[in-house]
């Protein structure tokens, strides 16, 4: 979230977020949906996905890799990691050549630190 009370737009780049935006764009271009309504739907998506992931997802994983790059800008950490091995809850493993992790402050505006 940012300081004006809105939620991060981080999940808009996920496959479900991009599908939603593509669908809304098609509806707006066909005249079946007002642009302002589409923006409200996207803002609702930002809020809903953030809350659901925080409250409902309990899965955990461990990972090891080689930190290639990291940066901290506007209260957002970004890590680029190479040669990553993930160990999931069920003890299965997954490998990736490289991953990007983006970490944002989960505190809502006005919440105590």
Protein backbone atom coordinates (compact mmCIF):
# COMPACT_ATOMS: atom_id res chain seq x y z
CA UNK A 1 0.00 0.00 0.00
CA UNK A 2 1.06 3.53 -0.43
CA UNK A 3 0.48 6.51 1.79
CA UNK A 4 -2.70 7.74 0.09
CA UNK A 5 -4.66 4.70 1.33
CA UNK A 6 -4.71 2.74 -1.93
CA UNK A 7 -3.23 -0.71 -2.33
CA UNK A 8 -0.11 -1.66 -4.25
CA UNK A 9 -0.66 -2.36 -7.93
CA UNK A 10 1.87 -5.18 -7.70
CA UNK A 11 -0.49 -8.04 -8.55
CA UNK A 12 -1.77 -6.41 -11.74
CA UNK A 13 1.25 -7.95 -13.47
CA UNK A 14 0.27 -11.48 -12.41
CA UNK A 15 -1.49 -13.74 -14.91
CA UNK A 16 -4.86 -13.23 -13.22
CA UNK A 17 -4.32 -9.47 -13.00
CA UNK A 18 -3.33 -9.20 -16.65
CA UNK A 19 -6.35 -11.31 -17.68
CA UNK A 20 -8.66 -9.05 -15.69
CA UNK A 21 -7.17 -5.91 -17.24
CA UNK A 22 -7.40 -7.37 -20.76
CA UNK A 23 -11.05 -8.29 -20.21
CA UNK A 24 -11.92 -4.89 -18.77
CA UNK A 25 -10.10 -3.20 -21.66
CA UNK A 26 -12.15 -5.23 -24.17
CA UNK A 27 -15.38 -4.29 -22.37
CA UNK A 28 -14.46 -0.60 -22.33
CA UNK A 29 -13.48 -0.59 -26.02
CA UNK A 30 -16.72 -2.33 -26.99
CA UNK A 31 -18.71 0.30 -25.08
CA UNK A 32 -20.18 -2.21 -22.61
CA UNK A 33 -18.36 -0.76 -19.59
CA UNK A 34 -17.49 2.78 -18.53
CA UNK A 35 -13.76 3.48 -17.97
CA UNK A 36 -14.49 4.73 -14.43
CA UNK A 37 -16.19 1.42 -13.59
CA UNK A 38 -13.22 -0.50 -14.95
CA UNK A 39 -10.88 1.54 -12.73
CA UNK A 40 -13.06 0.76 -9.68
CA UNK A 41 -12.92 -2.95 -10.54
CA UNK A 42 -9.12 -2.82 -10.81
CA UNK A 43 -8.86 -0.95 -7.48
CA UNK A 44 -11.12 -3.58 -5.90
CA UNK A 45 -8.87 -6.31 -7.34
CA UNK A 46 -5.79 -4.64 -5.80
CA UNK A 47 -7.47 -4.59 -2.37
CA UNK A 48 -9.00 -8.08 -2.59
CA UNK A 49 -5.93 -9.95 -3.78
CA UNK A 50 -3.74 -8.28 -1.16
CA UNK A 51 -6.15 -9.21 1.65
CA UNK A 52 -6.77 -12.78 0.43
CA UNK A 53 -3.09 -13.56 0.06
CA UNK A 54 -2.38 -12.14 3.52
CA UNK A 55 -5.26 -13.95 5.26
CA UNK A 56 -5.78 -17.24 3.41
CA UNK A 57 -2.44 -18.47 2.09
CA UNK A 58 -0.64 -20.52 4.72
CA UNK A 59 1.83 -22.44 2.53
CA UNK A 60 5.51 -21.94 3.20
CA UNK A 61 8.68 -22.61 1.31
CA UNK A 62 12.41 -22.26 1.75
CA UNK A 63 14.80 -21.25 -0.98
CA UNK A 64 18.52 -20.92 -1.56
CA UNK A 65 20.28 -19.15 -4.37
CA UNK A 66 22.90 -16.59 -5.29
CA UNK A 67 21.93 -12.96 -4.75
CA UNK A 68 22.71 -11.11 -7.97
CA UNK A 69 21.19 -7.66 -7.37
CA UNK A 70 19.22 -5.91 -4.67
CA UNK A 71 17.75 -2.43 -4.34
CA UNK A 72 15.58 -0.44 -1.97
CA UNK A 73 13.53 2.42 -3.38
CA UNK A 74 10.29 4.05 -2.17
CA UNK A 75 9.87 1.50 0.66
CA UNK A 76 10.07 -1.41 -1.83
CA UNK A 77 12.82 -4.04 -1.77
CA UNK A 78 13.69 -5.83 -5.03
CA UNK A 79 15.94 -8.90 -5.09
CA UNK A 80 17.24 -10.66 -8.21
CA UNK A 81 18.42 -14.17 -7.35
CA UNK A 82 20.12 -16.72 -9.63
CA UNK A 83 20.37 -20.53 -9.47
CA UNK A 84 17.48 -20.87 -7.02
CA UNK A 85 16.35 -24.09 -5.31
CA UNK A 86 12.92 -24.05 -3.64
CA UNK A 87 11.88 -26.59 -1.01
CA UNK A 88 8.10 -26.70 -0.60
CA UNK A 89 5.95 -27.75 2.38
CA UNK A 90 5.47 -31.23 0.93
CA UNK A 91 9.27 -31.60 0.68
CA UNK A 92 9.30 -31.46 -3.12
CA UNK A 93 11.89 -29.22 -4.75
CA UNK A 94 11.77 -26.84 -7.69
CA UNK A 95 14.69 -25.15 -9.44
CA UNK A 96 14.83 -21.88 -11.35
CA UNK A 97 17.63 -20.14 -13.22
CA UNK A 98 16.62 -16.73 -11.89
CA UNK A 99 13.80 -15.11 -9.92
CA UNK A 100 12.75 -11.62 -8.92
CA UNK A 101 11.31 -10.95 -5.47
CA UNK A 102 9.51 -7.67 -4.78
CA UNK A 103 8.75 -6.95 -1.13
CA UNK A 104 6.48 -4.12 0.02
CA UNK A 105 5.43 -2.84 3.43
CA UNK A 106 2.27 -4.68 4.53
CA UNK A 107 1.18 -2.03 7.04
CA UNK A 108 -1.97 -0.12 6.14
CA UNK A 109 -1.87 3.66 6.49
CA UNK A 110 -2.80 4.60 10.04
CA UNK A 111 -1.90 1.17 11.48
CA UNK A 112 0.49 1.25 14.44
CA UNK A 113 4.08 0.45 13.58
